[in-house]
Protein backbone atom coordinates (compact mmCIF):
# COMPACT_ATOMS: atom_id res chain seq x y z
CA MET A 1 -48.84 -84.82 -29.76
CA THR A 2 -49.88 -81.58 -31.56
CA ASN A 3 -48.16 -80.42 -34.68
CA ARG A 4 -46.55 -77.80 -32.69
CA GLN A 5 -44.95 -80.20 -30.28
CA ILE A 6 -43.97 -82.46 -33.07
CA PHE A 7 -42.30 -79.46 -34.78
CA LEU A 8 -40.31 -78.39 -31.73
CA GLN A 9 -39.36 -81.99 -30.93
CA HIS A 10 -38.57 -83.44 -34.31
CA VAL A 11 -37.82 -80.57 -36.74
CA GLY A 12 -34.36 -79.11 -36.67
CA GLN A 13 -34.35 -75.81 -34.92
CA THR A 14 -32.14 -72.91 -35.63
CA SER A 15 -33.25 -70.43 -32.72
CA THR A 16 -34.69 -70.72 -29.39
CA GLU A 17 -37.65 -68.69 -30.16
CA PRO A 18 -39.33 -69.91 -33.48
CA LEU A 19 -42.45 -68.13 -34.54
CA CYS A 20 -44.42 -71.42 -34.41
CA LEU A 21 -47.09 -70.18 -36.70
CA GLU A 22 -49.03 -73.16 -38.33
CA ILE A 23 -49.90 -72.02 -41.73
CA VAL A 24 -52.42 -74.12 -43.67
CA LYS A 25 -53.22 -71.97 -46.61
CA ALA A 26 -51.45 -69.12 -48.74
CA ALA A 27 -52.64 -67.24 -51.86
CA GLY A 28 -51.49 -63.94 -53.21
CA VAL A 29 -50.22 -61.58 -50.55
CA GLU A 30 -52.30 -63.58 -48.02
CA MET A 31 -51.77 -66.47 -45.61
CA TRP A 32 -54.07 -68.19 -42.93
CA ASP A 33 -53.25 -70.12 -39.92
CA VAL A 34 -54.87 -73.23 -38.47
CA ASN A 35 -57.26 -71.23 -36.55
CA GLY A 36 -58.34 -69.22 -39.74
CA LYS A 37 -56.38 -66.12 -38.82
CA ARG A 38 -55.50 -64.00 -41.89
CA PHE A 39 -52.01 -62.51 -42.28
CA ILE A 40 -50.59 -60.13 -44.86
CA ASP A 41 -47.10 -61.40 -45.96
CA LEU A 42 -44.70 -58.50 -46.08
CA ILE A 43 -41.58 -60.73 -46.72
CA ALA A 44 -42.65 -63.11 -49.39
CA GLY A 45 -40.82 -65.99 -47.93
CA ILE A 46 -37.66 -63.86 -47.82
CA SER A 47 -38.11 -62.53 -51.59
CA VAL A 48 -39.23 -65.92 -52.92
CA CYS A 49 -42.81 -65.41 -53.91
CA ASN A 50 -42.44 -62.39 -56.12
CA VAL A 51 -45.60 -63.37 -58.18
CA GLY A 52 -47.62 -64.15 -55.07
CA HIS A 53 -48.26 -67.45 -53.14
CA CYS A 54 -49.80 -70.34 -55.24
CA HIS A 55 -50.31 -68.29 -58.28
CA PRO A 56 -52.67 -70.36 -60.34
CA GLU A 57 -50.29 -70.59 -63.39
CA VAL A 58 -47.46 -71.76 -61.16
CA VAL A 59 -49.71 -74.39 -59.38
CA ALA A 60 -50.79 -75.73 -62.83
CA ALA A 61 -47.26 -75.97 -64.14
CA VAL A 62 -46.13 -77.92 -61.12
CA GLN A 63 -49.10 -80.27 -61.16
CA GLY A 64 -48.71 -80.85 -64.90
CA GLN A 65 -44.97 -81.59 -64.79
CA ALA A 66 -45.41 -83.87 -61.66
CA SER A 67 -47.88 -85.93 -63.69
CA GLU A 68 -45.48 -86.28 -66.74
CA TYR A 69 -42.25 -87.10 -64.77
CA MET A 70 -40.14 -85.87 -61.81
CA HIS A 71 -36.53 -87.03 -61.01
CA LEU A 72 -34.79 -88.87 -63.90
CA LEU A 73 -31.03 -88.81 -63.61
CA VAL A 74 -28.39 -86.70 -62.17
CA TYR A 75 -28.65 -83.16 -63.77
CA GLY A 76 -26.97 -82.55 -67.03
CA GLU A 77 -27.15 -85.88 -68.65
CA PHE A 78 -30.74 -86.11 -69.92
CA VAL A 79 -32.44 -83.40 -72.14
CA GLN A 80 -35.29 -82.41 -69.75
CA ALA A 81 -37.81 -79.95 -71.36
CA PRO A 82 -38.49 -77.81 -68.25
CA GLN A 83 -34.70 -77.12 -67.78
CA VAL A 84 -34.23 -76.41 -71.53
CA ARG A 85 -37.38 -74.08 -71.58
CA TYR A 86 -36.52 -72.17 -68.59
CA ALA A 87 -32.73 -71.80 -69.43
CA ALA A 88 -33.74 -70.27 -72.99
CA ALA A 89 -36.13 -68.00 -71.28
CA LEU A 90 -33.75 -66.72 -68.68
CA THR A 91 -30.86 -66.01 -71.39
CA GLN A 92 -33.28 -64.24 -73.57
CA GLN A 93 -33.80 -61.70 -70.79
CA LEU A 94 -30.12 -61.26 -70.03
CA PRO A 95 -27.04 -59.86 -71.93
CA PRO A 96 -25.50 -62.14 -74.68
CA THR A 97 -22.49 -63.05 -72.40
CA LEU A 98 -24.80 -64.58 -69.82
CA ASN A 99 -26.00 -67.57 -72.04
CA SER A 100 -25.31 -70.73 -70.11
CA VAL A 101 -27.47 -71.63 -67.04
CA TYR A 102 -26.44 -74.20 -64.26
CA PHE A 103 -29.21 -75.04 -62.22
CA THR A 104 -28.96 -75.84 -58.54
CA ASN A 105 -31.26 -76.62 -55.68
CA SER A 106 -30.84 -73.14 -53.72
CA GLY A 107 -28.98 -69.81 -53.81
CA ALA A 108 -26.29 -71.02 -51.55
CA GLU A 109 -25.49 -73.79 -53.92
CA ALA A 110 -25.31 -71.33 -56.70
CA THR A 111 -22.67 -69.36 -54.72
CA GLU A 112 -20.61 -72.58 -54.02
CA GLY A 113 -20.76 -73.57 -57.75
CA ALA A 114 -19.73 -69.99 -58.90
CA MET A 115 -16.75 -70.06 -56.54
CA LYS A 116 -15.67 -73.37 -58.02
CA LEU A 117 -16.14 -72.12 -61.57
CA ALA A 118 -14.18 -68.99 -61.00
CA LYS A 119 -11.27 -70.97 -59.55
CA ARG A 120 -11.31 -73.45 -62.36
CA TYR A 121 -11.47 -71.04 -65.05
CA THR A 122 -8.94 -68.52 -63.93
CA GLY A 123 -6.72 -71.09 -62.24
CA ARG A 124 -6.39 -68.73 -59.22
CA SER A 125 -7.56 -69.13 -55.66
CA LYS A 126 -8.03 -65.59 -54.26
CA ILE A 127 -11.53 -64.46 -53.64
CA ILE A 128 -12.56 -60.94 -52.76
CA ALA A 129 -15.95 -60.40 -50.86
CA PHE A 130 -17.48 -57.60 -48.81
CA ASN A 131 -18.13 -56.96 -45.16
CA HIS A 132 -21.84 -57.31 -44.22
CA SER A 133 -22.44 -59.40 -47.33
CA TYR A 134 -24.58 -62.59 -47.37
CA HIS A 135 -24.17 -65.24 -49.76
CA GLY A 136 -25.65 -68.36 -48.02
CA SER A 137 -24.92 -70.69 -45.16
CA THR A 138 -22.93 -73.65 -46.56
CA GLN A 139 -19.23 -73.95 -45.74
CA GLY A 140 -18.08 -72.20 -48.77
CA ALA A 141 -20.59 -69.55 -48.69
CA LEU A 142 -20.00 -68.85 -45.13
CA SER A 143 -16.45 -68.32 -45.95
CA ILE A 144 -17.32 -65.30 -47.91
CA ILE A 145 -20.23 -63.80 -46.03
CA GLY A 146 -19.09 -60.59 -44.32
CA ASP A 147 -19.77 -60.96 -40.56
CA GLU A 148 -17.55 -62.56 -38.00
CA PHE A 149 -20.39 -63.16 -35.59
CA TRP A 150 -22.02 -65.71 -38.22
CA ARG A 151 -18.66 -67.10 -39.16
CA GLN A 152 -16.78 -67.59 -35.92
CA ALA A 153 -18.29 -70.71 -34.77
CA TYR A 154 -17.42 -72.78 -37.93
CA ARG A 155 -13.73 -72.19 -38.47
CA PRO A 156 -11.46 -73.16 -40.10
CA LEU A 157 -13.04 -71.90 -43.28
CA LEU A 158 -11.84 -71.48 -46.79
CA PRO A 159 -8.39 -69.73 -47.15
CA ASP A 160 -7.39 -66.88 -49.40
CA VAL A 161 -10.72 -64.99 -48.90
CA TYR A 162 -10.44 -61.36 -48.24
CA HIS A 163 -13.28 -58.86 -47.13
CA TYR A 164 -13.56 -55.13 -47.82
CA ASN A 165 -16.07 -52.51 -46.96
CA TYR A 166 -18.86 -52.19 -49.54
CA ASN A 167 -18.66 -48.79 -51.40
CA SER A 168 -15.01 -48.47 -50.28
CA ASN A 169 -12.26 -47.72 -52.94
CA GLU A 170 -9.66 -49.71 -50.92
CA VAL A 171 -10.86 -52.88 -52.60
CA LEU A 172 -9.76 -51.59 -56.16
CA ALA A 173 -6.04 -52.06 -55.32
CA ALA A 174 -6.72 -55.57 -53.99
CA ILE A 175 -8.01 -56.92 -57.21
CA ASP A 176 -4.91 -58.18 -58.94
CA GLU A 177 -3.63 -60.97 -61.25
CA GLN A 178 -3.89 -63.48 -58.40
CA THR A 179 -7.50 -62.85 -57.89
CA ALA A 180 -10.06 -65.45 -59.09
CA CYS A 181 -13.22 -63.42 -58.42
CA VAL A 182 -14.84 -60.51 -56.98
CA ILE A 183 -18.30 -61.56 -55.47
CA MET A 184 -20.76 -59.06 -54.29
CA GLU A 185 -24.32 -58.35 -53.88
CA THR A 186 -25.75 -55.79 -56.52
CA VAL A 187 -27.57 -54.33 -53.50
CA GLN A 188 -26.55 -55.46 -50.07
CA ALA A 189 -29.49 -57.31 -48.39
CA GLU A 190 -28.71 -58.22 -44.87
CA LYS A 191 -27.19 -54.95 -43.88
CA GLY A 192 -30.39 -53.37 -44.52
CA ILE A 193 -30.65 -52.43 -48.09
CA ILE A 194 -27.37 -50.77 -49.03
CA LYS A 195 -27.03 -49.57 -52.66
CA PRO A 196 -23.74 -49.38 -54.39
CA ALA A 197 -22.41 -46.10 -55.71
CA GLY A 198 -22.68 -46.26 -59.43
CA GLU A 199 -19.11 -45.08 -60.16
CA TRP A 200 -17.64 -47.61 -57.65
CA ILE A 201 -19.44 -50.66 -58.96
CA ALA A 202 -18.31 -49.59 -62.54
CA LYS A 203 -14.70 -49.24 -61.29
CA ILE A 204 -14.83 -52.79 -59.81
CA GLU A 205 -16.20 -54.20 -63.20
CA GLN A 206 -13.42 -52.30 -64.96
CA ARG A 207 -10.65 -53.45 -62.52
CA CYS A 208 -11.93 -57.13 -62.90
CA LYS A 209 -11.50 -56.85 -66.75
CA ALA A 210 -8.13 -55.44 -66.46
CA THR A 211 -6.73 -58.24 -64.16
CA GLY A 212 -8.59 -61.20 -65.67
CA THR A 213 -10.58 -61.64 -62.58
CA LEU A 214 -14.32 -62.84 -62.70
CA PHE A 215 -16.96 -60.31 -61.55
CA ILE A 216 -19.73 -62.12 -59.76
CA LEU A 217 -23.01 -60.54 -58.90
CA ASP A 218 -25.29 -61.93 -56.32
CA GLU A 219 -28.81 -61.30 -57.31
CA ILE A 220 -30.41 -64.14 -55.22
CA GLN A 221 -32.77 -61.62 -53.56
CA THR A 222 -32.37 -58.67 -56.00
CA GLY A 223 -33.41 -60.46 -59.07
CA PHE A 224 -36.75 -61.02 -60.64
CA GLY A 225 -38.14 -57.39 -60.34
CA ARG A 226 -37.52 -56.79 -56.72
CA THR A 227 -35.79 -53.51 -57.28
CA GLY A 228 -37.86 -52.18 -60.12
CA THR A 229 -35.97 -53.67 -62.98
CA LEU A 230 -35.87 -57.43 -63.91
CA TRP A 231 -32.22 -57.43 -62.83
CA ALA A 232 -30.80 -54.92 -60.42
CA PHE A 233 -27.51 -54.65 -62.29
CA GLU A 234 -29.29 -52.99 -65.17
CA GLN A 235 -29.47 -49.94 -63.06
CA TYR A 236 -25.90 -49.54 -62.83
CA GLY A 237 -24.56 -50.17 -66.40
CA VAL A 238 -22.60 -53.32 -65.53
CA VAL A 239 -22.70 -56.84 -66.59
CA PRO A 240 -21.24 -59.67 -64.37
CA ASP A 241 -19.16 -62.45 -65.67
CA ILE A 242 -21.37 -64.88 -63.50
CA LEU A 243 -24.70 -64.09 -62.15
CA LEU A 244 -26.24 -65.75 -58.97
CA LEU A 245 -29.87 -66.45 -58.94
CA GLY A 246 -32.16 -68.03 -56.42
CA LYS A 247 -35.30 -67.24 -54.11
CA ALA A 248 -37.89 -66.00 -56.82
CA LEU A 249 -36.26 -68.13 -59.41
CA GLY A 250 -38.43 -71.19 -58.43
CA GLY A 251 -41.74 -69.32 -58.14
CA GLY A 252 -42.05 -70.99 -54.72
CA MET A 253 -40.32 -74.22 -55.60
CA PRO A 254 -36.67 -74.92 -54.45
CA LEU A 255 -34.32 -73.83 -57.19
CA GLY A 256 -31.22 -71.77 -57.63
CA ALA A 257 -28.68 -71.17 -60.68
CA PHE A 258 -25.46 -69.50 -61.77
CA VAL A 259 -25.30 -67.98 -65.14
CA ALA A 260 -22.13 -67.49 -67.23
CA ASP A 261 -20.81 -67.33 -70.78
CA LYS A 262 -20.68 -70.93 -72.20
CA GLN A 263 -16.82 -70.47 -72.69
CA ILE A 264 -16.49 -70.10 -68.96
CA MET A 265 -19.14 -72.71 -67.90
CA ASP A 266 -17.48 -75.40 -70.18
CA SER A 267 -14.58 -75.47 -67.82
CA PHE A 268 -16.56 -77.84 -65.95
CA THR A 269 -16.62 -80.51 -68.57
CA VAL A 270 -12.84 -81.46 -68.64
CA SER A 271 -9.94 -81.89 -66.34
CA PRO A 272 -11.87 -83.27 -64.53
CA VAL A 273 -15.02 -84.40 -66.27
CA LEU A 274 -18.17 -83.76 -64.19
CA GLY A 275 -16.45 -80.71 -62.66
CA HIS A 276 -19.74 -79.81 -60.89
CA ILE A 277 -22.50 -82.18 -60.37
CA THR A 278 -25.84 -82.22 -58.46
CA THR A 279 -28.51 -84.85 -58.07
CA PHE A 280 -31.61 -82.74 -57.81
CA GLY A 281 -30.38 -79.33 -59.24
CA GLY A 282 -32.84 -78.17 -61.87
CA HIS A 283 -35.55 -80.66 -60.75
CA PRO A 284 -37.98 -80.65 -63.67
CA VAL A 285 -40.95 -79.81 -61.24
CA SER A 286 -39.08 -76.86 -59.87
CA CYS A 287 -38.09 -75.54 -63.36
CA ALA A 288 -41.66 -75.97 -64.62
CA GLY A 289 -42.95 -73.83 -61.58
CA GLY A 290 -40.11 -71.39 -61.85
CA LEU A 291 -40.77 -70.83 -65.78
CA ALA A 292 -44.48 -70.26 -65.10
CA ALA A 293 -43.76 -67.60 -62.51
CA PHE A 294 -41.09 -66.08 -64.82
CA GLU A 295 -43.64 -65.98 -67.60
CA VAL A 296 -46.16 -64.17 -65.38
CA LEU A 297 -43.52 -61.86 -64.17
CA THR A 298 -42.38 -60.72 -67.59
CA ARG A 299 -45.69 -60.88 -69.30
CA GLU A 300 -47.57 -58.69 -66.82
CA SER A 301 -44.27 -56.44 -66.30
CA LEU A 302 -44.89 -56.62 -62.54
CA TYR A 303 -41.43 -54.93 -61.92
CA LYS A 304 -42.84 -51.94 -63.76
CA GLN A 305 -45.42 -51.43 -60.97
CA VAL A 306 -42.71 -51.48 -58.25
CA GLU A 307 -41.69 -47.72 -58.32
CA ALA A 308 -45.25 -46.55 -57.65
CA LYS A 309 -45.87 -49.11 -54.94
CA THR A 310 -42.55 -48.23 -53.31
CA GLU A 311 -43.49 -44.50 -53.39
CA LEU A 312 -46.78 -45.31 -51.51
CA PHE A 313 -44.89 -47.30 -48.86
CA LEU A 314 -42.47 -44.27 -48.38
CA ARG A 315 -45.31 -41.74 -48.12
CA LEU A 316 -47.14 -43.82 -45.50
CA LEU A 317 -44.38 -44.80 -43.31
CA LYS A 318 -44.04 -41.70 -41.41
CA HIS A 319 -43.52 -41.85 -37.61
CA HIS A 320 -41.13 -40.29 -35.04
CA GLN A 321 -39.82 -43.76 -33.94
CA ILE A 322 -38.89 -44.39 -37.67
CA LEU A 323 -35.23 -43.09 -38.14
CA ASP A 324 -34.88 -43.79 -41.85
CA VAL A 325 -36.38 -45.92 -44.51
CA ARG A 326 -34.04 -47.32 -47.17
CA ALA A 327 -35.43 -48.78 -50.34
CA ALA A 328 -34.44 -50.49 -53.46
CA GLY A 329 -37.70 -50.93 -54.98
CA LEU A 330 -40.14 -53.16 -52.95
CA TRP A 331 -37.35 -54.01 -50.77
CA MET A 332 -37.23 -51.81 -47.68
CA ALA A 333 -35.31 -51.41 -44.34
CA VAL A 334 -37.37 -49.48 -41.82
CA GLU A 335 -34.66 -48.25 -39.22
CA PHE A 336 -35.33 -48.08 -35.52
CA ASP A 337 -33.23 -47.16 -32.65
CA SER A 338 -32.54 -50.67 -31.49
CA PHE A 339 -33.30 -54.30 -31.97
CA SER A 340 -35.55 -54.39 -29.03
CA THR A 341 -37.88 -51.72 -30.68
CA CYS A 342 -37.67 -53.57 -33.87
CA LYS A 343 -38.53 -56.88 -32.34
CA ARG A 344 -41.41 -55.26 -30.37
CA VAL A 345 -42.87 -53.87 -33.54
CA ILE A 346 -42.42 -57.36 -35.46
CA ASP A 347 -44.19 -59.20 -32.58
CA ALA A 348 -47.05 -56.79 -32.39
CA CYS A 349 -47.43 -56.85 -36.20
CA ILE A 350 -47.71 -60.64 -36.23
CA ALA A 351 -50.33 -60.53 -33.47
CA LYS A 352 -52.30 -58.00 -35.80
CA GLY A 353 -51.95 -60.11 -38.70
CA LEU A 354 -48.88 -58.71 -40.60
CA ILE A 355 -45.79 -60.93 -41.14
CA THR A 356 -42.50 -59.08 -41.23
CA ASP A 357 -38.87 -59.73 -40.04
CA TRP A 358 -35.58 -58.13 -39.28
CA PHE A 359 -32.12 -58.32 -41.14
CA LEU A 360 -29.22 -60.44 -40.01
CA PHE A 361 -26.53 -57.71 -40.04
CA ALA A 362 -29.07 -54.78 -39.27
CA PRO A 363 -31.35 -56.30 -36.50
CA ASN A 364 -32.73 -52.71 -35.78
CA CYS A 365 -34.31 -52.62 -39.12
CA LEU A 366 -37.66 -54.09 -40.10
CA ARG A 367 -37.98 -55.95 -43.57
CA ILE A 368 -40.48 -55.04 -46.10
CA ALA A 369 -40.30 -57.26 -49.36
CA PRO A 370 -43.81 -58.28 -50.18
CA PRO A 371 -44.85 -60.13 -53.37
CA LEU A 372 -44.76 -57.67 -56.19
CA THR A 373 -48.49 -58.37 -56.82
CA ILE A 374 -49.45 -56.48 -53.56
CA SER A 375 -52.19 -54.03 -54.12
CA GLU A 376 -52.44 -50.31 -53.11
CA ASN A 377 -55.13 -51.31 -50.52
CA GLU A 378 -52.87 -53.96 -48.97
CA ILE A 379 -50.03 -51.61 -48.80
CA VAL A 380 -52.28 -49.07 -46.95
CA GLU A 381 -53.43 -51.77 -44.62
CA ALA A 382 -49.80 -52.93 -43.88
CA CYS A 383 -48.64 -49.55 -43.18
CA GLU A 384 -51.59 -48.79 -40.87
CA ILE A 385 -50.70 -51.75 -38.76
CA ILE A 386 -46.93 -50.93 -38.51
CA LEU A 387 -47.92 -47.43 -37.45
CA ALA A 388 -50.48 -48.68 -34.97
CA CYS A 389 -47.89 -50.92 -33.45
CA LEU A 390 -45.40 -48.13 -33.23
CA SER A 391 -47.94 -45.74 -31.66
CA ALA A 392 -48.78 -48.49 -29.18
CA GLY A 393 -45.24 -48.32 -27.71
CA ASP A 394 -45.19 -44.51 -27.38
């Protein structure tokens, strides 16, 4: 059997039409398949490879740590240098109240841990989330994502969860003394890059403070320079009580985290002890790779190059079939009239050596979220391919 046949037969499938690209090498913004065909990666593994695929410093850190030790004991018992160094590096780049890091295996697990922490710290159960939000696919995270199409097949879900429209003032009155937390994406991802109104997100933060509700911001996709600042919340003058991280956190390795003040995080240590545990969360090899990527990102200030690169994309993406381009840094939704148009363009782009995708709650929008290291020449090449695929359908 070929690898493709084995993949289809023995690897769990989540769609009836997987891309079935057999990639054998990736570096920077490029990937190559088993036949030697080159692709430009415009989605970075869904906002994971912000410093590019297989950055030499990340590879060296992973190899070096693997030669020292890998798994030792359930997370949180042994002092493991990669965890310690990465937690210190992260908190040095965050507001003072975000000083305690709980590492997980993924962004969805970060969501789960933060929901538990909010309930434990406040003694409340009510959770407020938003329509068209996405926070992961595990049972708890699924309960708070904002689209019934994706939830309906898995009920019953968590009780006491309430959804409101993003950028709607209706939610403000719903935040009360029974609310454990408000959880929201700093910028909505899967709806096709929807930014919050500055005054609105500030009012949510203020209302949370007034009612003793924890304010949770999901920066699993927005973090690590994607929107042009290290953290997207910096652009809105707010500070969350709990911050969710994932995707680019691991530099290509599996890693997630939720970050809070130590006073809040210590709720997990008593009544009961071991209030949240994970076997592989904060794996030393993942933390070593993630720290190396974070050091590259901050040392080279890659996020400071985002604005100029975004402007180049916006200047080039002009076509009568493009209805709109919404951008939050190097994170764009190119809107078409329908999913069929979007899918046609995506398939044509892949055939021409350009990897892109659509959004879960905005299937008529094409996703652009390349590694932040993408060059001007690569941006021009990518846009030329998109426009050529559009014109071919005229």
